[in-house]
Amino acid sequence: MKIIKNCIQCKACGEVIESNSIYDFVSCSCGKCSVDGGLEYFQRVAETRDIFVEMSQFEEDWFFAGCVKIGTRCSRVGAGSEESGK
């Protein structure tokens, strides 16, 4: 998965907050929720999940997303896979 935008909107104050880089921990003006991780990971800090709206954007890795959906073992064809004979 590739993160394009890491942001949330606080339902209490309405502020949209975005983390732009790793360890960029940002809180809204009322302090009820925070976002962290930039384009590396998603982290949310809030008392409940209901206090914010998720607004992040990301791209799924088509290969791994397909494996998860159909429940197959994920191994790329090539080195280390059964198809390569190694």
PDB file of N, CA and C in Angstrom:
ATOM      1  N   MET A   1       0.837  -1.171   0.000  1.00  0.00           N
ATOM      2  CA  MET A   1       0.000   0.000   0.000  1.00  0.00           C
ATOM      3  C   MET A   1       0.889   1.243   0.000  1.00  0.00           C
ATOM      4  N   LYS A   2       0.513   2.211  -0.805  1.00  0.00           N
ATOM      5  CA  LYS A   2       1.241   3.477  -0.871  1.00  0.00           C
ATOM      6  C   LYS A   2       0.327   4.586  -0.365  1.00  0.00           C
ATOM      7  N   ILE A   3       0.767   5.289   0.672  1.00  0.00           N
ATOM      8  CA  ILE A   3      -0.025   6.378   1.239  1.00  0.00           C
ATOM      9  C   ILE A   3       0.179   7.636   0.391  1.00  0.00           C
ATOM     10  N   ILE A   4      -0.912   8.230  -0.042  1.00  0.00           N
ATOM     11  CA  ILE A   4      -0.893   9.457  -0.838  1.00  0.00           C
ATOM     12  C   ILE A   4      -1.103  10.669   0.074  1.00  0.00           C
ATOM     13  N   LYS A   5      -2.039  10.548   1.018  1.00  0.00           N
ATOM     14  CA  LYS A   5      -2.384  11.637   1.931  1.00  0.00           C
ATOM     15  C   LYS A   5      -2.817  11.019   3.258  1.00  0.00           C
ATOM     16  N   ASN A   6      -2.293  11.536   4.369  1.00  0.00           N
ATOM     17  CA  ASN A   6      -2.562  11.005   5.704  1.00  0.00           C
ATOM     18  C   ASN A   6      -3.260  12.091   6.524  1.00  0.00           C
ATOM     19  N   CYS A   7      -4.595  12.106   6.500  1.00  0.00           N
ATOM     20  CA  CYS A   7      -5.312  13.169   7.207  1.00  0.00           C
ATOM     21  C   CYS A   7      -6.672  12.701   7.720  1.00  0.00           C
ATOM     22  N   ILE A   8      -7.161  13.431   8.720  1.00  0.00           N
ATOM     23  CA  ILE A   8      -8.477  13.196   9.303  1.00  0.00           C
ATOM     24  C   ILE A   8      -9.147  14.544   9.563  1.00  0.00           C
ATOM     25  N   GLN A   9     -10.466  14.506   9.774  1.00  0.00           N
ATOM     26  CA  GLN A   9     -11.197  15.707  10.171  1.00  0.00           C
ATOM     27  C   GLN A   9     -11.811  15.455  11.539  1.00  0.00           C
ATOM     28  N   CYS A  10     -11.566  16.348  12.469  1.00  0.00           N
ATOM     29  CA  CYS A  10     -12.129  16.261  13.816  1.00  0.00           C
ATOM     30  C   CYS A  10     -13.606  16.650  13.757  1.00  0.00           C
ATOM     31  N   LYS A  11     -14.480  15.812  14.288  1.00  0.00           N
ATOM     32  CA  LYS A  11     -15.909  16.127  14.307  1.00  0.00           C
ATOM     33  C   LYS A  11     -16.246  17.177  15.364  1.00  0.00           C
ATOM     34  N   ALA A  12     -15.409  17.305  16.382  1.00  0.00           N
ATOM     35  CA  ALA A  12     -15.676  18.271  17.454  1.00  0.00           C
ATOM     36  C   ALA A  12     -15.420  19.710  17.008  1.00  0.00           C
ATOM     37  N   CYS A  13     -14.263  19.958  16.390  1.00  0.00           N
ATOM     38  CA  CYS A  13     -13.920  21.332  15.990  1.00  0.00           C
ATOM     39  C   CYS A  13     -13.982  21.554  14.478  1.00  0.00           C
ATOM     40  N   GLY A  14     -14.085  20.476  13.700  1.00  0.00           N
ATOM     41  CA  GLY A  14     -14.192  20.591  12.250  1.00  0.00           C
ATOM     42  C   GLY A  14     -12.876  20.747  11.519  1.00  0.00           C
ATOM     43  N   GLU A  15     -11.778  20.814  12.259  1.00  0.00           N
ATOM     44  CA  GLU A  15     -10.469  21.033  11.644  1.00  0.00           C
ATOM     45  C   GLU A  15      -9.972  19.777  10.922  1.00  0.00           C
ATOM     46  N   VAL A  16      -9.403  19.975   9.740  1.00  0.00           N
ATOM     47  CA  VAL A  16      -8.749  18.894   9.007  1.00  0.00           C
ATOM     48  C   VAL A  16      -7.267  18.971   9.335  1.00  0.00           C
ATOM     49  N   ILE A  17      -6.709  17.865   9.832  1.00  0.00           N
ATOM     50  CA  ILE A  17      -5.285  17.830  10.176  1.00  0.00           C
ATOM     51  C   ILE A  17      -4.602  16.769   9.337  1.00  0.00           C
ATOM     52  N   GLU A  18      -3.366  17.056   8.934  1.00  0.00           N
ATOM     53  CA  GLU A  18      -2.612  16.167   8.049  1.00  0.00           C
ATOM     54  C   GLU A  18      -1.192  15.997   8.562  1.00  0.00           C
ATOM     55  N   SER A  19      -0.706  14.763   8.521  1.00  0.00           N
ATOM     56  CA  SER A  19       0.685  14.463   8.843  1.00  0.00           C
ATOM     57  C   SER A  19       1.426  14.323   7.518  1.00  0.00           C
ATOM     58  N   ASN A  20       2.460  15.141   7.329  1.00  0.00           N
ATOM     59  CA  ASN A  20       3.155  15.183   6.042  1.00  0.00           C
ATOM     60  C   ASN A  20       4.439  14.371   5.978  1.00  0.00           C
ATOM     61  N   SER A  21       5.002  14.020   7.129  1.00  0.00           N
ATOM     62  CA  SER A  21       6.244  13.237   7.127  1.00  0.00           C
ATOM     63  C   SER A  21       6.265  12.327   8.343  1.00  0.00           C
ATOM     64  N   ILE A  22       7.157  11.356   8.317  1.00  0.00           N
ATOM     65  CA  ILE A  22       7.267  10.412   9.426  1.00  0.00           C
ATOM     66  C   ILE A  22       7.537  11.186  10.721  1.00  0.00           C
ATOM     67  N   TYR A  23       6.879  10.792  11.791  1.00  0.00           N
ATOM     68  CA  TYR A  23       6.965  11.434  13.114  1.00  0.00           C
ATOM     69  C   TYR A  23       6.421  12.865  13.127  1.00  0.00           C
ATOM     70  N   ASP A  24       5.620  13.234  12.130  1.00  0.00           N
ATOM     71  CA  ASP A  24       4.959  14.540  12.105  1.00  0.00           C
ATOM     72  C   ASP A  24       3.619  14.383  12.820  1.00  0.00           C
ATOM     73  N   PHE A  25       3.632  14.482  14.151  1.00  0.00           N
ATOM     74  CA  PHE A  25       2.461  14.282  15.003  1.00  0.00           C
ATOM     75  C   PHE A  25       1.697  15.597  15.094  1.00  0.00           C
ATOM     76  N   VAL A  26       0.463  15.607  14.589  1.00  0.00           N
ATOM     77  CA  VAL A  26      -0.330  16.836  14.517  1.00  0.00           C
ATOM     78  C   VAL A  26      -1.652  16.623  15.254  1.00  0.00           C
ATOM     79  N   SER A  27      -2.012  17.583  16.108  1.00  0.00           N
ATOM     80  CA  SER A  27      -3.289  17.539  16.827  1.00  0.00           C
ATOM     81  C   SER A  27      -4.192  18.660  16.331  1.00  0.00           C
ATOM     82  N   CYS A  28      -5.490  18.442  16.427  1.00  0.00           N
ATOM     83  CA  CYS A  28      -6.442  19.490  16.052  1.00  0.00           C
ATOM     84  C   CYS A  28      -6.465  20.570  17.130  1.00  0.00           C
ATOM     85  N   SER A  29      -7.130  21.679  16.836  1.00  0.00           N
ATOM     86  CA  SER A  29      -7.123  22.816  17.762  1.00  0.00           C
ATOM     87  C   SER A  29      -7.826  22.529  19.086  1.00  0.00           C
ATOM     88  N   CYS A  30      -8.804  21.618  19.104  1.00  0.00           N
ATOM     89  CA  CYS A  30      -9.481  21.303  20.367  1.00  0.00           C
ATOM     90  C   CYS A  30      -8.783  20.180  21.132  1.00  0.00           C
ATOM     91  N   GLY A  31      -7.825  19.504  20.482  1.00  0.00           N
ATOM     92  CA  GLY A  31      -7.042  18.468  21.148  1.00  0.00           C
ATOM     93  C   GLY A  31      -7.717  17.117  21.285  1.00  0.00           C
ATOM     94  N   LYS A  32      -8.845  16.923  20.627  1.00  0.00           N
ATOM     95  CA  LYS A  32      -9.573  15.659  20.762  1.00  0.00           C
ATOM     96  C   LYS A  32      -9.037  14.542  19.876  1.00  0.00           C
ATOM     97  N   CYS A  33      -8.262  14.878  18.836  1.00  0.00           N
ATOM     98  CA  CYS A  33      -7.685  13.835  17.987  1.00  0.00           C
ATOM     99  C   CYS A  33      -6.372  14.304  17.369  1.00  0.00           C
ATOM    100  N   SER A  34      -5.572  13.317  16.994  1.00  0.00           N
ATOM    101  CA  SER A  34      -4.248  13.585  16.413  1.00  0.00           C
ATOM    102  C   SER A  34      -3.974  12.581  15.309  1.00  0.00           C
ATOM    103  N   VAL A  35      -3.058  12.954  14.432  1.00  0.00           N
ATOM    104  CA  VAL A  35      -2.657  12.105  13.314  1.00  0.00           C
ATOM    105  C   VAL A  35      -1.135  12.092  13.257  1.00  0.00           C
ATOM    106  N   ASP A  36      -0.568  10.966  12.808  1.00  0.00           N
ATOM    107  CA  ASP A  36       0.887  10.813  12.756  1.00  0.00           C
ATOM    108  C   ASP A  36       1.249   9.838  11.647  1.00  0.00           C
ATOM    109  N   GLY A  37       2.491   9.873  11.200  1.00  0.00           N
ATOM    110  CA  GLY A  37       3.008   8.874  10.272  1.00  0.00           C
ATOM    111  C   GLY A  37       3.371   9.355   8.891  1.00  0.00           C
ATOM    112  N   GLY A  38       2.881  10.518   8.502  1.00  0.00           N
ATOM    113  CA  GLY A  38       3.206  11.016   7.165  1.00  0.00           C
ATOM    114  C   GLY A  38       2.807  10.030   6.085  1.00  0.00           C
ATOM    115  N   LEU A  39       3.720   9.789   5.163  1.00  0.00           N
ATOM    116  CA  LEU A  39       3.455   8.856   4.068  1.00  0.00           C
ATOM    117  C   LEU A  39       4.019   7.468   4.353  1.00  0.00           C
ATOM    118  N   GLU A  40       4.434   7.229   5.611  1.00  0.00           N
ATOM    119  CA  GLU A  40       5.023   5.943   5.995  1.00  0.00           C
ATOM    120  C   GLU A  40       4.044   5.009   6.697  1.00  0.00           C
ATOM    121  N   TYR A  41       3.190   5.540   7.580  1.00  0.00           N
ATOM    122  CA  TYR A  41       2.244   4.703   8.327  1.00  0.00           C
ATOM    123  C   TYR A  41       1.080   5.558   8.820  1.00  0.00           C
ATOM    124  N   PHE A  42      -0.032   4.902   9.169  1.00  0.00           N
ATOM    125  CA  PHE A  42      -1.191   5.584   9.736  1.00  0.00           C
ATOM    126  C   PHE A  42      -1.185   5.400  11.249  1.00  0.00           C
ATOM    127  N   GLN A  43      -1.299   6.508  11.984  1.00  0.00           N
ATOM    128  CA  GLN A  43      -1.511   6.438  13.429  1.00  0.00           C
ATOM    129  C   GLN A  43      -2.536   7.492  13.808  1.00  0.00           C
ATOM    130  N   ARG A  44      -3.529   7.075  14.580  1.00  0.00           N
ATOM    131  CA  ARG A  44      -4.570   7.975  15.059  1.00  0.00           C
ATOM    132  C   ARG A  44      -4.580   7.923  16.578  1.00  0.00           C
ATOM    133  N   VAL A  45      -4.742   9.082  17.212  1.00  0.00           N
ATOM    134  CA  VAL A  45      -4.879   9.152  18.665  1.00  0.00           C
ATOM    135  C   VAL A  45      -6.169   9.910  18.948  1.00  0.00           C
ATOM    136  N   ALA A  46      -7.105   9.231  19.616  1.00  0.00           N
ATOM    137  CA  ALA A  46      -8.398   9.823  19.959  1.00  0.00           C
ATOM    138  C   ALA A  46      -9.051   8.955  21.028  1.00  0.00           C
ATOM    139  N   GLU A  47      -9.963   9.546  21.783  1.00  0.00           N
ATOM    140  CA  GLU A  47     -10.667   8.769  22.803  1.00  0.00           C
ATOM    141  C   GLU A  47     -11.530   7.685  22.176  1.00  0.00           C
ATOM    142  N   THR A  48     -12.199   8.018  21.071  1.00  0.00           N
ATOM    143  CA  THR A  48     -13.018   7.035  20.356  1.00  0.00           C
ATOM    144  C   THR A  48     -12.840   7.224  18.854  1.00  0.00           C
ATOM    145  N   ARG A  49     -13.162   6.208  18.102  1.00  0.00           N
ATOM    146  CA  ARG A  49     -13.073   6.245  16.638  1.00  0.00           C
ATOM    147  C   ARG A  49     -14.131   7.187  16.055  1.00  0.00           C
ATOM    148  N   ASP A  50     -15.190   7.422  16.825  1.00  0.00           N
ATOM    149  CA  ASP A  50     -16.304   8.246  16.349  1.00  0.00           C
ATOM    150  C   ASP A  50     -16.002   9.738  16.320  1.00  0.00           C
ATOM    151  N   ILE A  51     -14.909  10.179  16.898  1.00  0.00           N
ATOM    152  CA  ILE A  51     -14.612  11.612  17.023  1.00  0.00           C
ATOM    153  C   ILE A  51     -13.995  12.207  15.749  1.00  0.00           C
ATOM    154  N   PHE A  52     -13.565  11.347  14.801  1.00  0.00           N
ATOM    155  CA  PHE A  52     -12.964  11.879  13.577  1.00  0.00           C
ATOM    156  C   PHE A  52     -13.470  11.161  12.337  1.00  0.00           C
ATOM    157  N   VAL A  53     -13.310  11.831  11.201  1.00  0.00           N
ATOM    158  CA  VAL A  53     -13.645  11.280   9.890  1.00  0.00           C
ATOM    159  C   VAL A  53     -12.333  10.996   9.177  1.00  0.00           C
ATOM    160  N   GLU A  54     -12.154   9.774   8.713  1.00  0.00           N
ATOM    161  CA  GLU A  54     -10.942   9.396   7.979  1.00  0.00           C
ATOM    162  C   GLU A  54     -10.998  10.015   6.591  1.00  0.00           C
ATOM    163  N   MET A  55      -9.948  10.741   6.206  1.00  0.00           N
ATOM    164  CA  MET A  55      -9.901  11.403   4.909  1.00  0.00           C
ATOM    165  C   MET A  55      -8.646  11.034   4.115  1.00  0.00           C
ATOM    166  N   SER A  56      -7.899  10.059   4.597  1.00  0.00           N
ATOM    167  CA  SER A  56      -6.642   9.674   3.949  1.00  0.00           C
ATOM    168  C   SER A  56      -6.887   9.067   2.578  1.00  0.00           C
ATOM    169  N   GLN A  57      -5.862   9.143   1.747  1.00  0.00           N
ATOM    170  CA  GLN A  57      -5.905   8.548   0.416  1.00  0.00           C
ATOM    171  C   GLN A  57      -4.702   7.630   0.266  1.00  0.00           C
ATOM    172  N   PHE A  58      -4.936   6.456  -0.338  1.00  0.00           N
ATOM    173  CA  PHE A  58      -3.839   5.519  -0.552  1.00  0.00           C
ATOM    174  C   PHE A  58      -4.115   4.658  -1.771  1.00  0.00           C
ATOM    175  N   GLU A  59      -3.050   4.066  -2.293  1.00  0.00           N
ATOM    176  CA  GLU A  59      -3.154   3.139  -3.419  1.00  0.00           C
ATOM    177  C   GLU A  59      -2.900   1.737  -2.898  1.00  0.00           C
ATOM    178  N   GLU A  60      -3.728   0.795  -3.315  1.00  0.00           N
ATOM    179  CA  GLU A  60      -3.530  -0.605  -2.949  1.00  0.00           C
ATOM    180  C   GLU A  60      -2.482  -1.213  -3.876  1.00  0.00           C
ATOM    181  N   ASP A  61      -1.664  -2.097  -3.343  1.00  0.00           N
ATOM    182  CA  ASP A  61      -0.770  -2.895  -4.178  1.00  0.00           C
ATOM    183  C   ASP A  61      -1.652  -3.965  -4.810  1.00  0.00           C
ATOM    184  N   TRP A  62      -1.837  -3.920  -6.117  1.00  0.00           N
ATOM    185  CA  TRP A  62      -2.776  -4.822  -6.783  1.00  0.00           C
ATOM    186  C   TRP A  62      -2.459  -6.282  -6.516  1.00  0.00           C
ATOM    187  N   PHE A  63      -1.192  -6.651  -6.416  1.00  0.00           N
ATOM    188  CA  PHE A  63      -0.834  -8.053  -6.226  1.00  0.00           C
ATOM    189  C   PHE A  63      -1.284  -8.544  -4.860  1.00  0.00           C
ATOM    190  N   PHE A  64      -0.905  -7.829  -3.804  1.00  0.00           N
ATOM    191  CA  PHE A  64      -1.226  -8.271  -2.454  1.00  0.00           C
ATOM    192  C   PHE A  64      -2.706  -8.092  -2.142  1.00  0.00           C
ATOM    193  N   ALA A  65      -3.331  -7.067  -2.665  1.00  0.00           N
ATOM    194  CA  ALA A  65      -4.766  -6.875  -2.454  1.00  0.00           C
ATOM    195  C   ALA A  65      -5.540  -8.032  -3.074  1.00  0.00           C
ATOM    196  N   GLY A  66      -5.122  -8.474  -4.250  1.00  0.00           N
ATOM    197  CA  GLY A  66      -5.770  -9.604  -4.906  1.00  0.00           C
ATOM    198  C   GLY A  66      -5.611 -10.890  -4.128  1.00  0.00           C
ATOM    199  N   CYS A  67      -4.451 -11.111  -3.553  1.00  0.00           N
ATOM    200  CA  CYS A  67      -4.215 -12.321  -2.767  1.00  0.00           C
ATOM    201  C   CYS A  67      -5.087 -12.340  -1.524  1.00  0.00           C
ATOM    202  N   VAL A  68      -5.195 -11.215  -0.869  1.00  0.00           N
ATOM    203  CA  VAL A  68      -6.003 -11.147   0.350  1.00  0.00           C
ATOM    204  C   VAL A  68      -7.465 -11.403   0.014  1.00  0.00           C
ATOM    205  N   LYS A  69      -7.948 -10.823  -1.076  1.00  0.00           N
ATOM    206  CA  LYS A  69      -9.351 -10.967  -1.443  1.00  0.00           C
ATOM    207  C   LYS A  69      -9.704 -12.406  -1.804  1.00  0.00           C
ATOM    208  N   ILE A  70      -8.823 -13.102  -2.512  1.00  0.00           N
ATOM    209  CA  ILE A  70      -9.160 -14.464  -2.921  1.00  0.00           C
ATOM    210  C   ILE A  70      -8.570 -15.522  -1.994  1.00  0.00           C
ATOM    211  N   GLY A  71      -7.802 -15.094  -0.989  1.00  0.00           N
ATOM    212  CA  GLY A  71      -7.310 -16.018   0.023  1.00  0.00           C
ATOM    213  C   GLY A  71      -6.212 -16.953  -0.444  1.00  0.00           C
ATOM    214  N   THR A  72      -5.416 -16.554  -1.400  1.00  0.00           N
ATOM    215  CA  THR A  72      -4.325 -17.403  -1.857  1.00  0.00           C
ATOM    216  C   THR A  72      -3.021 -17.001  -1.194  1.00  0.00           C
ATOM    217  N   ARG A  73      -2.047 -17.882  -1.287  1.00  0.00           N
ATOM    218  CA  ARG A  73      -0.725 -17.576  -0.745  1.00  0.00           C
ATOM    219  C   ARG A  73      -0.055 -16.539  -1.638  1.00  0.00           C
ATOM    220  N   CYS A  74       0.487 -15.504  -1.037  1.00  0.00           N
ATOM    221  CA  CYS A  74       1.106 -14.425  -1.805  1.00  0.00           C
ATOM    222  C   CYS A  74       2.585 -14.695  -2.007  1.00  0.00           C
ATOM    223  N   SER A  75       2.960 -15.052  -3.205  1.00  0.00           N
ATOM    224  CA  SER A  75       4.379 -15.159  -3.546  1.00  0.00           C
ATOM    225  C   SER A  75       4.508 -14.749  -5.003  1.00  0.00           C
ATOM    226  N   ARG A  76       5.403 -13.844  -5.251  1.00  0.00           N
ATOM    227  CA  ARG A  76       5.597 -13.380  -6.624  1.00  0.00           C
ATOM    228  C   ARG A  76       6.331 -14.457  -7.418  1.00  0.00           C
ATOM    229  N   VAL A  77       6.013 -14.560  -8.675  1.00  0.00           N
ATOM    230  CA  VAL A  77       6.710 -15.514  -9.533  1.00  0.00           C
ATOM    231  C   VAL A  77       8.144 -15.050  -9.678  1.00  0.00           C
ATOM    232  N   GLY A  78       9.076 -15.930  -9.434  1.00  0.00           N
ATOM    233  CA  GLY A  78      10.493 -15.581  -9.500  1.00  0.00           C
ATOM    234  C   GLY A  78      11.247 -16.253  -8.379  1.00  0.00           C
ATOM    235  N   ALA A  79      12.334 -15.661  -7.959  1.00  0.00           N
ATOM    236  CA  ALA A  79      13.195 -16.254  -6.934  1.00  0.00           C
ATOM    237  C   ALA A  79      12.404 -16.604  -5.685  1.00  0.00           C
ATOM    238  N   GLY A  80      12.547 -17.831  -5.242  1.00  0.00           N
ATOM    239  CA  GLY A  80      11.929 -18.279  -4.007  1.00  0.00           C
ATOM    240  C   GLY A  80      10.522 -18.821  -4.154  1.00  0.00           C
ATOM    241  N   SER A  81       9.919 -18.701  -5.309  1.00  0.00           N
ATOM    242  CA  SER A  81       8.569 -19.233  -5.468  1.00  0.00           C
ATOM    243  C   SER A  81       8.632 -20.624  -6.070  1.00  0.00           C
ATOM    244  N   GLU A  82       7.541 -21.373  -5.896  1.00  0.00           N
ATOM    245  CA  GLU A  82       7.506 -22.733  -6.420  1.00  0.00           C
ATOM    246  C   GLU A  82       7.602 -22.749  -7.942  1.00  0.00           C
ATOM    247  N   GLU A  83       7.068 -21.709  -8.602  1.00  0.00           N
ATOM    248  CA  GLU A  83       7.087 -21.661 -10.061  1.00  0.00           C
ATOM    249  C   GLU A  83       8.494 -21.521 -10.620  1.00  0.00           C
ATOM    250  N   SER A  84       9.423 -20.987  -9.830  1.00  0.00           N
ATOM    251  CA  SER A  84      10.770 -20.766 -10.349  1.00  0.00           C
ATOM    252  C   SER A  84      11.626 -22.017 -10.249  1.00  0.00           C
ATOM    253  N   GLY A  85      11.154 -23.031  -9.483  1.00  0.00           N
ATOM    254  CA  GLY A  85      11.919 -24.259  -9.342  1.00  0.00           C
ATOM    255  C   GLY A  85      13.021 -24.165  -8.315  1.00  0.00           C
ATOM    256  N   LYS A  86      13.061 -23.105  -7.525  1.00  0.00           N
ATOM    257  CA  LYS A  86      14.104 -22.934  -6.507  1.00  0.00           C
ATOM    258  C   LYS A  86      13.608 -23.361  -5.161  1.00  0.00           C
TER     259      LYS A  86
END
